[in-house]
């Protein structure tokens, strides 16, 4: 995993999840950096971002789709 201290300085176009809630509380992702998928908090666009390998990101997405993560009531 890579850490980017200031997400807004990355040369990427951020996109929000299509399933974001009405308050826009979601993550944003960019996919234009080779070998890294940057992810940031939409509420803090000038804050840090994390970078994941494409394989790690796809594994995470697959886990979401198969409901592998517990939720709290």
Protein backbone atom coordinates (compact mmCIF):
# COMPACT_ATOMS: atom_id res chain seq x y z
CA UNK A 1 0.00 0.00 0.00
CA UNK A 2 1.20 3.48 -0.83
CA UNK A 3 0.40 6.63 1.15
CA UNK A 4 -0.09 9.98 -0.58
CA UNK A 5 -0.07 12.81 2.02
CA UNK A 6 -2.12 15.24 -0.13
CA UNK A 7 -4.57 13.55 -2.50
CA UNK A 8 -5.48 16.73 -4.36
CA UNK A 9 -1.93 17.07 -5.72
CA UNK A 10 -2.09 13.77 -7.60
CA UNK A 11 -2.35 14.16 -11.40
CA UNK A 12 -5.58 12.16 -11.61
CA UNK A 13 -9.30 12.60 -12.17
CA UNK A 14 -11.25 11.41 -9.13
CA UNK A 15 -14.65 9.72 -9.44
CA UNK A 16 -17.22 8.99 -6.76
CA UNK A 17 -18.95 5.69 -6.29
CA UNK A 18 -22.29 5.53 -8.07
CA UNK A 19 -23.81 4.21 -4.84
CA UNK A 20 -22.81 7.25 -2.76
CA UNK A 21 -25.41 8.47 -0.31
CA UNK A 22 -27.26 11.81 -0.60
CA UNK A 23 -24.67 13.50 1.66
CA UNK A 24 -21.88 12.46 -0.72
CA UNK A 25 -20.19 10.49 2.06
CA UNK A 26 -18.16 7.99 0.10
CA UNK A 27 -14.76 7.18 -1.22
CA UNK A 28 -13.36 8.45 -4.46
CA UNK A 29 -11.08 6.44 -6.68
CA UNK A 30 -8.80 7.26 -9.59
CA UNK A 31 -7.38 4.83 -12.10
CA UNK A 32 -4.88 6.76 -14.19
CA UNK A 33 -1.68 5.94 -12.28
CA UNK A 34 0.14 2.86 -13.54
CA UNK A 35 0.21 -0.01 -11.02
CA UNK A 36 -1.58 2.03 -8.31
CA UNK A 37 -5.26 2.66 -7.55
CA UNK A 38 -5.51 5.87 -5.44
CA UNK A 39 -8.44 6.06 -3.00
CA UNK A 40 -9.48 9.05 -0.87
CA UNK A 41 -12.30 10.20 1.40
CA UNK A 42 -14.73 12.41 -0.55
CA UNK A 43 -15.27 14.58 2.53
CA UNK A 44 -11.54 15.41 2.67
CA UNK A 45 -10.34 15.88 -0.92
CA UNK A 46 -7.18 17.71 0.19
CA UNK A 47 -6.34 15.10 2.81
CA UNK A 48 -4.38 11.90 2.32
CA UNK A 49 -5.03 9.10 -0.13
CA UNK A 50 -4.05 5.47 -0.11
CA UNK A 51 -2.76 3.62 -3.14
CA UNK A 52 -3.50 -0.05 -3.74
CA UNK A 53 -2.20 -2.48 -6.32
CA UNK A 54 -4.79 -3.34 -8.97
CA UNK A 55 -4.91 -6.90 -7.60
CA UNK A 56 -5.59 -5.73 -4.03
CA UNK A 57 -8.30 -3.32 -5.24
CA UNK A 58 -10.02 -6.01 -7.32
CA UNK A 59 -9.93 -8.36 -4.33
CA UNK A 60 -11.55 -5.66 -2.18
CA UNK A 61 -14.28 -5.01 -4.78
CA UNK A 62 -14.93 -8.75 -5.09
CA UNK A 63 -15.28 -8.97 -1.29
CA UNK A 64 -17.84 -6.17 -1.30
CA UNK A 65 -19.85 -7.83 -4.06
CA UNK A 66 -19.94 -11.15 -2.20
CA UNK A 67 -20.74 -9.47 1.14
CA UNK A 68 -17.53 -10.72 2.80
CA UNK A 69 -17.33 -7.75 5.18
CA UNK A 70 -19.43 -7.64 8.33
CA UNK A 71 -21.69 -4.65 8.84
CA UNK A 72 -22.80 -3.04 12.06
CA UNK A 73 -26.48 -2.53 12.81
